[in-house]
């Protein structure tokens, strides 16, 4: 699997940290992948899903193998942490210009 593009919308509320779209081989885009936080700050990926009539959720799309999932997760988390660092630098730069500092934890 060759992920050729990752788009991310950061969320700063609750356990949802970002909503991600990935493009595979410049041919197909998967939207609605979520980065969620479990207890103790542990992050995980939730694939796009739909709720059935009984209230149970089912993945709409999923990786075909554990290797594909690990590869996809690694690339998504790498981009997520890059975006966090970019946001931290931007907040610090703004705070310095205003004469204060910002602590931003990962």
C-alpha atoms as a PDB file:
ATOM      1  CA  UNK A   1       0.000   0.000   0.000  1.00  0.00           C
ATOM      2  CA  UNK A   2       1.417   3.348  -1.036  1.00  0.00           C
ATOM      3  CA  UNK A   3      -0.153   6.267   0.834  1.00  0.00           C
ATOM      4  CA  UNK A   4       0.463   9.271  -1.385  1.00  0.00           C
ATOM      5  CA  UNK A   5      -1.375  11.955   0.631  1.00  0.00           C
ATOM      6  CA  UNK A   6      -2.517  12.498   4.205  1.00  0.00           C
ATOM      7  CA  UNK A   7      -4.914  15.306   5.111  1.00  0.00           C
ATOM      8  CA  UNK A   8      -5.738  16.041   8.721  1.00  0.00           C
ATOM      9  CA  UNK A   9      -8.184  18.183  10.646  1.00  0.00           C
ATOM     10  CA  UNK A  10      -7.104  18.531  14.271  1.00  0.00           C
ATOM     11  CA  UNK A  11      -9.692  18.352  17.033  1.00  0.00           C
ATOM     12  CA  UNK A  12      -8.976  19.651  20.506  1.00  0.00           C
ATOM     13  CA  UNK A  13     -11.947  18.282  22.403  1.00  0.00           C
ATOM     14  CA  UNK A  14     -12.717  15.035  24.154  1.00  0.00           C
ATOM     15  CA  UNK A  15     -11.034  11.834  23.115  1.00  0.00           C
ATOM     16  CA  UNK A  16     -11.021  12.649  19.375  1.00  0.00           C
ATOM     17  CA  UNK A  17      -7.698  14.247  18.414  1.00  0.00           C
ATOM     18  CA  UNK A  18      -7.965  14.421  14.608  1.00  0.00           C
ATOM     19  CA  UNK A  19      -9.963  13.320  11.584  1.00  0.00           C
ATOM     20  CA  UNK A  20      -7.787  12.023   8.756  1.00  0.00           C
ATOM     21  CA  UNK A  21      -8.154  11.334   5.042  1.00  0.00           C
ATOM     22  CA  UNK A  22      -5.585   9.259   3.178  1.00  0.00           C
ATOM     23  CA  UNK A  23      -5.063   8.846  -0.550  1.00  0.00           C
ATOM     24  CA  UNK A  24      -3.719   5.514  -1.745  1.00  0.00           C
ATOM     25  CA  UNK A  25      -1.654   5.348  -4.961  1.00  0.00           C
ATOM     26  CA  UNK A  26      -3.188   8.681  -6.060  1.00  0.00           C
ATOM     27  CA  UNK A  27      -6.246   6.568  -6.955  1.00  0.00           C
ATOM     28  CA  UNK A  28      -8.583   6.271  -3.967  1.00  0.00           C
ATOM     29  CA  UNK A  29      -9.218   8.415  -0.903  1.00  0.00           C
ATOM     30  CA  UNK A  30     -10.419   7.067   2.430  1.00  0.00           C
ATOM     31  CA  UNK A  31     -12.080   9.752   4.561  1.00  0.00           C
ATOM     32  CA  UNK A  32     -13.215   9.686   8.160  1.00  0.00           C
ATOM     33  CA  UNK A  33     -10.290   7.902   9.836  1.00  0.00           C
ATOM     34  CA  UNK A  34     -10.167   9.092  13.436  1.00  0.00           C
ATOM     35  CA  UNK A  35      -7.258   9.461  15.838  1.00  0.00           C
ATOM     36  CA  UNK A  36      -8.651   8.808  19.298  1.00  0.00           C
ATOM     37  CA  UNK A  37      -7.109   8.896  22.752  1.00  0.00           C
ATOM     38  CA  UNK A  38      -7.606   6.097  25.257  1.00  0.00           C
ATOM     39  CA  UNK A  39      -6.801   6.291  28.936  1.00  0.00           C
ATOM     40  CA  UNK A  40      -3.312   7.456  29.900  1.00  0.00           C
ATOM     41  CA  UNK A  41      -2.891   9.343  26.621  1.00  0.00           C
ATOM     42  CA  UNK A  42      -2.524   6.281  24.382  1.00  0.00           C
ATOM     43  CA  UNK A  43      -3.566   7.040  20.785  1.00  0.00           C
ATOM     44  CA  UNK A  44      -5.235   4.663  18.351  1.00  0.00           C
ATOM     45  CA  UNK A  45      -6.768   4.738  14.883  1.00  0.00           C
ATOM     46  CA  UNK A  46     -10.482   4.122  14.279  1.00  0.00           C
ATOM     47  CA  UNK A  47     -11.455   3.333  10.712  1.00  0.00           C
ATOM     48  CA  UNK A  48     -14.580   4.869   9.142  1.00  0.00           C
ATOM     49  CA  UNK A  49     -17.640   3.036  10.421  1.00  0.00           C
ATOM     50  CA  UNK A  50     -21.431   2.934  10.295  1.00  0.00           C
ATOM     51  CA  UNK A  51     -23.920   2.111  13.012  1.00  0.00           C
ATOM     52  CA  UNK A  52     -26.467  -0.638  12.374  1.00  0.00           C
ATOM     53  CA  UNK A  53     -30.062  -0.722  13.672  1.00  0.00           C
ATOM     54  CA  UNK A  54     -28.982  -2.439  16.895  1.00  0.00           C
ATOM     55  CA  UNK A  55     -26.477   0.323  17.674  1.00  0.00           C
ATOM     56  CA  UNK A  56     -23.397  -1.731  16.825  1.00  0.00           C
ATOM     57  CA  UNK A  57     -20.618  -0.131  14.731  1.00  0.00           C
ATOM     58  CA  UNK A  58     -19.036  -1.827  11.705  1.00  0.00           C
ATOM     59  CA  UNK A  59     -15.978  -0.657   9.741  1.00  0.00           C
ATOM     60  CA  UNK A  60     -16.825   0.579   6.260  1.00  0.00           C
ATOM     61  CA  UNK A  61     -13.242   0.106   5.094  1.00  0.00           C
ATOM     62  CA  UNK A  62     -10.298  -1.594   6.774  1.00  0.00           C
ATOM     63  CA  UNK A  63      -6.742  -2.677   5.974  1.00  0.00           C
ATOM     64  CA  UNK A  64      -6.551  -6.181   4.502  1.00  0.00           C
ATOM     65  CA  UNK A  65      -3.623  -7.272   6.685  1.00  0.00           C
ATOM     66  CA  UNK A  66      -1.997  -6.405  10.001  1.00  0.00           C
ATOM     67  CA  UNK A  67       1.109  -5.267   8.104  1.00  0.00           C
ATOM     68  CA  UNK A  68      -0.959  -2.818   6.045  1.00  0.00           C
ATOM     69  CA  UNK A  69      -2.612  -1.517   9.229  1.00  0.00           C
ATOM     70  CA  UNK A  70       0.753  -1.010  10.967  1.00  0.00           C
ATOM     71  CA  UNK A  71       2.136   0.821   7.936  1.00  0.00           C
ATOM     72  CA  UNK A  72      -0.944   3.051   7.694  1.00  0.00           C
ATOM     73  CA  UNK A  73      -0.927   3.796  11.438  1.00  0.00           C
ATOM     74  CA  UNK A  74       2.779   4.665  11.390  1.00  0.00           C
ATOM     75  CA  UNK A  75       2.350   7.175   8.571  1.00  0.00           C
ATOM     76  CA  UNK A  76      -0.775   8.720  10.107  1.00  0.00           C
ATOM     77  CA  UNK A  77       0.818   9.062  13.560  1.00  0.00           C
ATOM     78  CA  UNK A  78       3.984  10.533  12.029  1.00  0.00           C
ATOM     79  CA  UNK A  79       1.913  13.205  10.266  1.00  0.00           C
ATOM     80  CA  UNK A  80      -0.138  13.823  13.428  1.00  0.00           C
ATOM     81  CA  UNK A  81       2.962  14.462  15.529  1.00  0.00           C
ATOM     82  CA  UNK A  82       4.421  16.710  12.795  1.00  0.00           C
ATOM     83  CA  UNK A  83       1.215  18.761  12.871  1.00  0.00           C
ATOM     84  CA  UNK A  84       1.310  18.946  16.689  1.00  0.00           C
ATOM     85  CA  UNK A  85       4.891  20.204  16.594  1.00  0.00           C
ATOM     86  CA  UNK A  86       4.005  22.775  13.929  1.00  0.00           C
ATOM     87  CA  UNK A  87       1.109  23.997  16.096  1.00  0.00           C
ATOM     88  CA  UNK A  88       3.351  24.147  19.177  1.00  0.00           C
ATOM     89  CA  UNK A  89       5.955  26.224  17.325  1.00  0.00           C
ATOM     90  CA  UNK A  90       3.272  28.557  16.008  1.00  0.00           C
ATOM     91  CA  UNK A  91       1.775  29.049  19.490  1.00  0.00           C
ATOM     92  CA  UNK A  92       5.215  29.652  20.996  1.00  0.00           C
ATOM     93  CA  UNK A  93       6.104  32.173  18.300  1.00  0.00           C
ATOM     94  CA  UNK A  94       2.850  34.033  18.899  1.00  0.00           C
ATOM     95  CA  UNK A  95       3.392  33.959  22.689  1.00  0.00           C
ATOM     96  CA  UNK A  96       6.971  35.250  22.343  1.00  0.00           C
ATOM     97  CA  UNK A  97       5.725  38.135  20.207  1.00  0.00           C
ATOM     98  CA  UNK A  98       3.214  38.911  22.976  1.00  0.00           C
ATOM     99  CA  UNK A  99       5.897  38.622  25.676  1.00  0.00           C
ATOM    100  CA  UNK A 100       4.940  35.288  27.261  1.00  0.00           C
ATOM    101  CA  UNK A 101       5.537  31.558  26.719  1.00  0.00           C
ATOM    102  CA  UNK A 102       3.281  28.569  26.098  1.00  0.00           C
ATOM    103  CA  UNK A 103       3.659  25.048  27.433  1.00  0.00           C
ATOM    104  CA  UNK A 104       2.304  22.538  24.953  1.00  0.00           C
ATOM    105  CA  UNK A 105       2.447  18.866  25.908  1.00  0.00           C
ATOM    106  CA  UNK A 106       2.254  15.959  23.523  1.00  0.00           C
END
